[in-house]
Structure formats: C-alpha cells, structure tokens
PDB file of N, CA and C in Angstrom:
ATOM      1  N   MET A   1      39.556  43.826 138.908  1.00  0.00           N
ATOM      2  CA  MET A   1      38.311  44.873 139.634  1.00  0.00           C
ATOM      3  C   MET A   1      38.765  44.660 140.706  1.00  0.00           C
ATOM      4  N   LYS A   2      38.891  43.798 141.500  1.00  0.00           N
ATOM      5  CA  LYS A   2      39.552  43.561 143.202  1.00  0.00           C
ATOM      6  C   LYS A   2      41.238  43.941 143.338  1.00  0.00           C
ATOM      7  N   SER A   3      41.782  43.852 141.929  1.00  0.00           N
ATOM      8  CA  SER A   3      43.214  44.096 142.221  1.00  0.00           C
ATOM      9  C   SER A   3      43.428  45.491 142.256  1.00  0.00           C
ATOM     10  N   ALA A   4      42.487  45.817 141.207  1.00  0.00           N
ATOM     11  CA  ALA A   4      42.596  47.697 141.291  1.00  0.00           C
ATOM     12  C   ALA A   4      42.450  48.309 141.716  1.00  0.00           C
ATOM     13  N   TYR A   5      41.217  47.533 142.897  1.00  0.00           N
ATOM     14  CA  TYR A   5      40.855  48.051 143.473  1.00  0.00           C
ATOM     15  C   TYR A   5      41.734  48.553 145.099  1.00  0.00           C
ATOM     16  N   ALA A   6      42.468  47.376 145.119  1.00  0.00           N
ATOM     17  CA  ALA A   6      42.799  47.345 146.509  1.00  0.00           C
ATOM     18  C   ALA A   6      44.195  48.015 146.059  1.00  0.00           C
ATOM     19  N   LYS A   7      44.779  48.140 145.159  1.00  0.00           N
ATOM     20  CA  LYS A   7      46.230  48.821 144.339  1.00  0.00           C
ATOM     21  C   LYS A   7      45.829  50.360 144.806  1.00  0.00           C
ATOM     22  N   TYR A   8      44.523  51.122 144.865  1.00  0.00           N
ATOM     23  CA  TYR A   8      44.272  52.568 144.406  1.00  0.00           C
ATOM     24  C   TYR A   8      43.509  52.353 145.755  1.00  0.00           C
ATOM     25  N   SER A   9      42.898  51.836 146.472  1.00  0.00           N
ATOM     26  CA  SER A   9      42.554  51.700 147.908  1.00  0.00           C
ATOM     27  C   SER A   9      43.399  52.559 149.208  1.00  0.00           C
ATOM     28  N   HIS A  10      45.025  52.654 148.543  1.00  0.00           N
ATOM     29  CA  HIS A  10      45.699  53.243 149.272  1.00  0.00           C
ATOM     30  C   HIS A  10      46.556  54.431 149.341  1.00  0.00           C
ATOM     31  N   VAL A  11      45.727  54.595 147.739  1.00  0.00           N
ATOM     32  CA  VAL A  11      46.246  56.304 147.831  1.00  0.00           C
ATOM     33  C   VAL A  11      45.356  57.118 147.500  1.00  0.00           C
ATOM     34  N   PRO A  12      45.837  58.233 148.834  1.00  0.00           N
ATOM     35  CA  PRO A  12      44.243  59.282 149.065  1.00  0.00           C
ATOM     36  C   PRO A  12      44.099  60.280 147.822  1.00  0.00           C
ATOM     37  N   VAL A  13      42.480  61.063 148.155  1.00  0.00           N
ATOM     38  CA  VAL A  13      42.980  61.752 147.194  1.00  0.00           C
ATOM     39  C   VAL A  13      43.412  63.644 147.484  1.00  0.00           C
ATOM     40  N   SER A  14      43.863  64.095 146.512  1.00  0.00           N
ATOM     41  CA  SER A  14      44.411  65.485 147.705  1.00  0.00           C
ATOM     42  C   SER A  14      43.296  66.283 148.194  1.00  0.00           C
ATOM     43  N   SER A  15      42.097  66.252 147.712  1.00  0.00           N
ATOM     44  CA  SER A  15      41.053  66.609 147.959  1.00  0.00           C
ATOM     45  C   SER A  15      40.333  66.251 149.592  1.00  0.00           C
ATOM     46  N   GLY A  16      41.131  65.631 150.287  1.00  0.00           N
ATOM     47  CA  GLY A  16      40.104  64.795 151.342  1.00  0.00           C
ATOM     48  C   GLY A  16      39.220  64.169 151.244  1.00  0.00           C
ATOM     49  N   VAL A  17      38.119  64.822 150.011  1.00  0.00           N
ATOM     50  CA  VAL A  17      36.572  64.100 150.028  1.00  0.00           C
ATOM     51  C   VAL A  17      36.479  62.947 149.959  1.00  0.00           C
ATOM     52  N   THR A  18      35.025  62.068 150.146  1.00  0.00           N
ATOM     53  CA  THR A  18      34.671  61.359 150.446  1.00  0.00           C
ATOM     54  C   THR A  18      33.932  60.516 149.529  1.00  0.00           C
ATOM     55  N   GLY A  19      34.030  59.226 149.471  1.00  0.00           N
ATOM     56  CA  GLY A  19      32.930  59.153 148.088  1.00  0.00           C
ATOM     57  C   GLY A  19      31.538  59.415 148.333  1.00  0.00           C
ATOM     58  N   ALA A  20      30.894  59.315 149.348  1.00  0.00           N
ATOM     59  CA  ALA A  20      29.356  60.022 149.990  1.00  0.00           C
ATOM     60  C   ALA A  20      29.773  61.439 149.046  1.00  0.00           C
ATOM     61  N   GLU A  21      30.356  62.030 149.561  1.00  0.00           N
ATOM     62  CA  GLU A  21      30.780  63.632 149.215  1.00  0.00           C
ATOM     63  C   GLU A  21      30.616  63.552 147.974  1.00  0.00           C
ATOM     64  N   VAL A  22      31.488  63.042 147.090  1.00  0.00           N
ATOM     65  CA  VAL A  22      31.437  63.533 145.689  1.00  0.00           C
ATOM     66  C   VAL A  22      30.056  62.630 144.834  1.00  0.00           C
ATOM     67  N   ALA A  23      29.728  61.732 145.474  1.00  0.00           N
ATOM     68  CA  ALA A  23      28.630  61.925 144.764  1.00  0.00           C
ATOM     69  C   ALA A  23      27.520  62.440 144.802  1.00  0.00           C
ATOM     70  N   ALA A  24      27.551  63.092 146.108  1.00  0.00           N
ATOM     71  CA  ALA A  24      26.429  63.872 146.389  1.00  0.00           C
ATOM     72  C   ALA A  24      26.972  65.261 145.176  1.00  0.00           C
ATOM     73  N   CYS A  25      27.917  65.810 145.359  1.00  0.00           N
ATOM     74  CA  CYS A  25      28.305  66.663 144.865  1.00  0.00           C
ATOM     75  C   CYS A  25      27.974  66.561 143.303  1.00  0.00           C
ATOM     76  N   ILE A  26      28.649  65.304 142.869  1.00  0.00           N
ATOM     77  CA  ILE A  26      27.939  64.936 141.260  1.00  0.00           C
ATOM     78  C   ILE A  26      26.398  64.992 140.653  1.00  0.00           C
ATOM     79  N   MET A  27      25.752  64.984 142.146  1.00  0.00           N
ATOM     80  CA  MET A  27      24.105  64.673 141.272  1.00  0.00           C
ATOM     81  C   MET A  27      23.946  65.854 141.834  1.00  0.00           C
ATOM     82  N   THR A  28      24.205  67.072 143.083  1.00  0.00           N
ATOM     83  CA  THR A  28      23.500  68.088 142.825  1.00  0.00           C
ATOM     84  C   THR A  28      23.715  68.891 141.838  1.00  0.00           C
ATOM     85  N   ALA A  29      25.507  68.784 140.796  1.00  0.00           N
ATOM     86  CA  ALA A  29      25.665  69.291 139.971  1.00  0.00           C
ATOM     87  C   ALA A  29      24.919  69.137 138.260  1.00  0.00           C
ATOM     88  N   SER A  30      24.696  67.820 138.744  1.00  0.00           N
ATOM     89  CA  SER A  30      23.314  67.459 137.533  1.00  0.00           C
ATOM     90  C   SER A  30      22.105  67.175 137.949  1.00  0.00           C
ATOM     91  N   GLY A  31      21.900  68.525 138.685  1.00  0.00           N
ATOM     92  CA  GLY A  31      20.464  68.436 139.019  1.00  0.00           C
ATOM     93  C   GLY A  31      19.189  67.553 139.369  1.00  0.00           C
ATOM     94  N   ILE A  32      20.385  66.516 140.111  1.00  0.00           N
ATOM     95  CA  ILE A  32      19.664  65.104 140.531  1.00  0.00           C
ATOM     96  C   ILE A  32      19.631  65.621 142.065  1.00  0.00           C
ATOM     97  N   ASN A  33      18.376  65.762 142.624  1.00  0.00           N
ATOM     98  CA  ASN A  33      17.864  65.655 144.209  1.00  0.00           C
ATOM     99  C   ASN A  33      16.978  64.794 145.183  1.00  0.00           C
ATOM    100  N   ASP A  34      16.653  63.377 143.975  1.00  0.00           N
ATOM    101  CA  ASP A  34      15.957  62.763 144.569  1.00  0.00           C
ATOM    102  C   ASP A  34      16.394  61.075 144.826  1.00  0.00           C
ATOM    103  N   VAL A  35      18.324  61.420 144.827  1.00  0.00           N
ATOM    104  CA  VAL A  35      18.308  59.697 145.131  1.00  0.00           C
ATOM    105  C   VAL A  35      19.059  60.145 146.198  1.00  0.00           C
ATOM    106  N   GLN A  36      18.791  58.983 147.408  1.00  0.00           N
ATOM    107  CA  GLN A  36      19.254  59.074 148.212  1.00  0.00           C
ATOM    108  C   GLN A  36      20.656  58.022 147.840  1.00  0.00           C
ATOM    109  N   ILE A  37      22.209  58.889 148.858  1.00  0.00           N
ATOM    110  CA  ILE A  37      22.820  58.015 149.385  1.00  0.00           C
ATOM    111  C   ILE A  37      23.343  57.314 150.274  1.00  0.00           C
ATOM    112  N   ILE A  38      22.685  56.155 150.390  1.00  0.00           N
ATOM    113  CA  ILE A  38      22.954  55.219 151.460  1.00  0.00           C
ATOM    114  C   ILE A  38      24.540  54.127 151.713  1.00  0.00           C
ATOM    115  N   GLU A  39      25.096  53.831 152.481  1.00  0.00           N
ATOM    116  CA  GLU A  39      25.959  52.413 153.390  1.00  0.00           C
ATOM    117  C   GLU A  39      25.296  51.459 153.245  1.00  0.00           C
ATOM    118  N   SER A  40      26.386  50.423 152.494  1.00  0.00           N
ATOM    119  CA  SER A  40      26.054  48.961 152.715  1.00  0.00           C
ATOM    120  C   SER A  40      27.532  48.482 153.527  1.00  0.00           C
ATOM    121  N   ASN A  41      27.257  46.891 153.994  1.00  0.00           N
ATOM    122  CA  ASN A  41      28.734  46.980 154.448  1.00  0.00           C
ATOM    123  C   ASN A  41      29.190  45.741 153.939  1.00  0.00           C
ATOM    124  N   GLN A  42      28.497  45.769 152.484  1.00  0.00           N
ATOM    125  CA  GLN A  42      28.562  44.740 151.965  1.00  0.00           C
ATOM    126  C   GLN A  42      30.167  45.102 150.747  1.00  0.00           C
ATOM    127  N   LEU A  43      31.304  44.631 150.510  1.00  0.00           N
ATOM    128  CA  LEU A  43      32.419  44.805 150.415  1.00  0.00           C
ATOM    129  C   LEU A  43      32.120  45.155 148.793  1.00  0.00           C
ATOM    130  N   LEU A  44      32.459  45.791 148.208  1.00  0.00           N
ATOM    131  CA  LEU A  44      32.571  45.991 146.794  1.00  0.00           C
ATOM    132  C   LEU A  44      31.392  45.307 146.142  1.00  0.00           C
ATOM    133  N   GLY A  45      30.291  46.025 146.925  1.00  0.00           N
ATOM    134  CA  GLY A  45      28.421  45.799 146.447  1.00  0.00           C
ATOM    135  C   GLY A  45      27.689  47.253 146.080  1.00  0.00           C
ATOM    136  N   ASP A  46      28.654  47.984 145.586  1.00  0.00           N
ATOM    137  CA  ASP A  46      28.005  49.425 144.978  1.00  0.00           C
ATOM    138  C   ASP A  46      27.389  49.115 144.525  1.00  0.00           C
ATOM    139  N   HIS A  47      26.004  50.138 143.840  1.00  0.00           N
ATOM    140  CA  HIS A  47      25.372  49.772 142.634  1.00  0.00           C
ATOM    141  C   HIS A  47      24.014  50.650 142.948  1.00  0.00           C
ATOM    142  N   TYR A  48      24.006  51.329 141.374  1.00  0.00           N
ATOM    143  CA  TYR A  48      22.377  52.387 141.807  1.00  0.00           C
ATOM    144  C   TYR A  48      21.716  51.830 141.565  1.00  0.00           C
ATOM    145  N   ASP A  49      20.350  51.305 142.336  1.00  0.00           N
ATOM    146  CA  ASP A  49      18.997  50.902 142.604  1.00  0.00           C
ATOM    147  C   ASP A  49      17.825  52.052 141.768  1.00  0.00           C
ATOM    148  N   PRO A  50      17.576  51.970 140.410  1.00  0.00           N
ATOM    149  CA  PRO A  50      16.712  53.113 139.868  1.00  0.00           C
ATOM    150  C   PRO A  50      15.504  52.500 140.777  1.00  0.00           C
ATOM    151  N   MET A  51      15.012  51.479 141.001  1.00  0.00           N
ATOM    152  CA  MET A  51      13.714  51.338 141.527  1.00  0.00           C
ATOM    153  C   MET A  51      13.486  52.248 142.883  1.00  0.00           C
ATOM    154  N   SER A  52      14.819  52.483 143.682  1.00  0.00           N
ATOM    155  CA  SER A  52      14.294  52.370 144.773  1.00  0.00           C
ATOM    156  C   SER A  52      15.049  54.010 144.750  1.00  0.00           C
ATOM    157  N   LYS A  53      15.730  54.482 143.467  1.00  0.00           N
ATOM    158  CA  LYS A  53      16.000  55.618 143.564  1.00  0.00           C
ATOM    159  C   LYS A  53      17.786  55.822 144.719  1.00  0.00           C
ATOM    160  N   ARG A  54      18.127  54.497 145.081  1.00  0.00           N
ATOM    161  CA  ARG A  54      19.273  55.071 145.942  1.00  0.00           C
ATOM    162  C   ARG A  54      20.736  53.928 145.087  1.00  0.00           C
ATOM    163  N   LEU A  55      21.275  54.918 145.780  1.00  0.00           N
ATOM    164  CA  LEU A  55      22.745  54.707 145.266  1.00  0.00           C
ATOM    165  C   LEU A  55      23.284  54.052 146.597  1.00  0.00           C
ATOM    166  N   VAL A  56      24.015  53.121 146.688  1.00  0.00           N
ATOM    167  CA  VAL A  56      24.086  52.523 147.291  1.00  0.00           C
ATOM    168  C   VAL A  56      26.077  52.129 147.594  1.00  0.00           C
ATOM    169  N   LEU A  57      26.460  52.701 148.637  1.00  0.00           N
ATOM    170  CA  LEU A  57      28.009  52.618 148.333  1.00  0.00           C
ATOM    171  C   LEU A  57      28.219  51.750 149.389  1.00  0.00           C
ATOM    172  N   SER A  58      29.733  50.630 149.396  1.00  0.00           N
ATOM    173  CA  SER A  58      30.110  50.142 150.318  1.00  0.00           C
ATOM    174  C   SER A  58      30.716  50.964 151.230  1.00  0.00           C
ATOM    175  N   SER A  59      30.645  50.877 152.755  1.00  0.00           N
ATOM    176  CA  SER A  59      31.469  51.452 153.778  1.00  0.00           C
ATOM    177  C   SER A  59      32.808  52.001 153.733  1.00  0.00           C
ATOM    178  N   GLU A  60      33.554  51.588 152.517  1.00  0.00           N
ATOM    179  CA  GLU A  60      34.844  51.933 151.999  1.00  0.00           C
ATOM    180  C   GLU A  60      34.778  52.789 151.266  1.00  0.00           C
ATOM    181  N   SER A  61      33.549  52.680 150.351  1.00  0.00           N
ATOM    182  CA  SER A  61      33.322  54.081 149.603  1.00  0.00           C
ATOM    183  C   SER A  61      32.316  55.097 149.910  1.00  0.00           C
ATOM    184  N   PHE A  62      31.404  54.557 150.792  1.00  0.00           N
ATOM    185  CA  PHE A  62      30.989  55.798 151.495  1.00  0.00           C
ATOM    186  C   PHE A  62      32.121  56.838 152.123  1.00  0.00           C
ATOM    187  N   TYR A  63      32.646  56.546 152.848  1.00  0.00           N
ATOM    188  CA  TYR A  63      33.868  56.791 154.462  1.00  0.00           C
ATOM    189  C   TYR A  63      34.926  57.333 153.839  1.00  0.00           C
ATOM    190  N   GLY A  64      34.973  56.396 152.635  1.00  0.00           N
ATOM    191  CA  GLY A  64      36.706  56.401 152.023  1.00  0.00           C
ATOM    192  C   GLY A  64      36.812  57.688 151.324  1.00  0.00           C
ATOM    193  N   TYR A  65      38.188  58.014 151.316  1.00  0.00           N
ATOM    194  CA  TYR A  65      39.096  59.086 150.706  1.00  0.00           C
ATOM    195  C   TYR A  65      40.003  58.628 150.095  1.00  0.00           C
ATOM    196  N   SER A  66      40.098  57.851 149.601  1.00  0.00           N
ATOM    197  CA  SER A  66      41.331  57.178 148.702  1.00  0.00           C
ATOM    198  C   SER A  66      40.473  57.206 147.171  1.00  0.00           C
ATOM    199  N   THR A  67      41.638  57.067 146.051  1.00  0.00           N
ATOM    200  CA  THR A  67      41.512  56.880 144.530  1.00  0.00           C
ATOM    201  C   THR A  67      39.988  56.205 144.355  1.00  0.00           C
ATOM    202  N   ALA A  68      40.198  54.832 145.069  1.00  0.00           N
ATOM    203  CA  ALA A  68      39.098  53.550 144.788  1.00  0.00           C
ATOM    204  C   ALA A  68      37.787  54.078 145.312  1.00  0.00           C
ATOM    205  N   ALA A  69      38.020  54.596 146.748  1.00  0.00           N
ATOM    206  CA  ALA A  69      36.849  54.852 146.777  1.00  0.00           C
ATOM    207  C   ALA A  69      35.596  56.270 145.913  1.00  0.00           C
ATOM    208  N   VAL A  70      36.354  57.012 145.854  1.00  0.00           N
ATOM    209  CA  VAL A  70      35.825  57.952 145.179  1.00  0.00           C
ATOM    210  C   VAL A  70      35.672  58.156 143.494  1.00  0.00           C
ATOM    211  N   GLY A  71      36.206  56.995 143.316  1.00  0.00           N
ATOM    212  CA  GLY A  71      36.566  56.146 141.762  1.00  0.00           C
ATOM    213  C   GLY A  71      35.004  55.712 141.456  1.00  0.00           C
ATOM    214  N   VAL A  72      34.586  54.571 142.064  1.00  0.00           N
ATOM    215  CA  VAL A  72      33.937  53.791 142.697  1.00  0.00           C
ATOM    216  C   VAL A  72      32.435  54.481 142.759  1.00  0.00           C
ATOM    217  N   ALA A  73      33.200  55.487 143.534  1.00  0.00           N
ATOM    218  CA  ALA A  73      31.457  56.392 143.780  1.00  0.00           C
ATOM    219  C   ALA A  73      30.683  57.148 142.585  1.00  0.00           C
ATOM    220  N   ALA A  74      32.047  57.722 141.667  1.00  0.00           N
ATOM    221  CA  ALA A  74      31.826  57.957 140.916  1.00  0.00           C
ATOM    222  C   ALA A  74      31.037  57.889 139.827  1.00  0.00           C
ATOM    223  N   HIS A  75      31.557  56.378 139.612  1.00  0.00           N
ATOM    224  CA  HIS A  75      31.368  55.284 138.416  1.00  0.00           C
ATOM    225  C   HIS A  75      30.015  54.728 138.876  1.00  0.00           C
ATOM    226  N   GLU A  76      29.716  54.969 139.905  1.00  0.00           N
ATOM    227  CA  GLU A  76      28.027  54.331 140.621  1.00  0.00           C
ATOM    228  C   GLU A  76      27.202  55.340 140.309  1.00  0.00           C
ATOM    229  N   THR A  77      27.509  56.784 140.183  1.00  0.00           N
ATOM    230  CA  THR A  77      26.978  58.191 139.891  1.00  0.00           C
ATOM    231  C   THR A  77      26.504  58.252 138.524  1.00  0.00           C
ATOM    232  N   GLY A  78      27.414  57.931 137.735  1.00  0.00           N
ATOM    233  CA  GLY A  78      27.174  57.931 136.414  1.00  0.00           C
ATOM    234  C   GLY A  78      25.619  57.273 135.909  1.00  0.00           C
ATOM    235  N   HIS A  79      26.160  55.403 136.806  1.00  0.00           N
ATOM    236  CA  HIS A  79      24.626  55.109 136.519  1.00  0.00           C
ATOM    237  C   HIS A  79      23.148  55.878 136.596  1.00  0.00           C
ATOM    238  N   ALA A  80      23.042  56.380 137.742  1.00  0.00           N
ATOM    239  CA  ALA A  80      21.746  57.707 138.253  1.00  0.00           C
ATOM    240  C   ALA A  80      21.682  58.478 137.368  1.00  0.00           C
ATOM    241  N   ILE A  81      22.741  59.308 136.771  1.00  0.00           N
ATOM    242  CA  ILE A  81      22.792  60.437 135.913  1.00  0.00           C
ATOM    243  C   ILE A  81      21.915  59.500 134.712  1.00  0.00           C
TER     244      ILE A  81
END
C-alpha cells in the first residue's frame, strides 16, 4: 500500500480536484448529505467512521490532487456509501 501510494502521489489528476472535493462530489451524487469530511494529520490514517458519520482524510488526501490522494478519498467514500 505504501509503495503504491508513494508512486502515485507524484501523478497529478488532470482535473486538478482535491481528494476532499472528490469525496464531496461522490457523496452528493449518491444522495449522502449527512457525512462530514474532515482532515487528519495522520499519514494514511484515512477512514470512514460510521458512528460519528465522518470521513477522515489525511492532509495529503484532503488537500492533494494526485492520483493517490483522489483514489484514497474515493475508496473511503465508498465505505460511507
């Protein structure tokens, strides 16, 4: 996981959107409006917390516009769905 993340963290997405923006877009498209997206300082600590309805993204995933950041954010959003 870490090696794949490291490799794709240097590959920007062509749209220039961040991981947080992707997560919000996916949730909106899925009709989910009660999940909070928050930033965490923990590297690769990205997760969905169903008890508090929070999608927690590392700073790299939250603000990042790399393929890795967007992919991690989309994956975690899938757990919320």
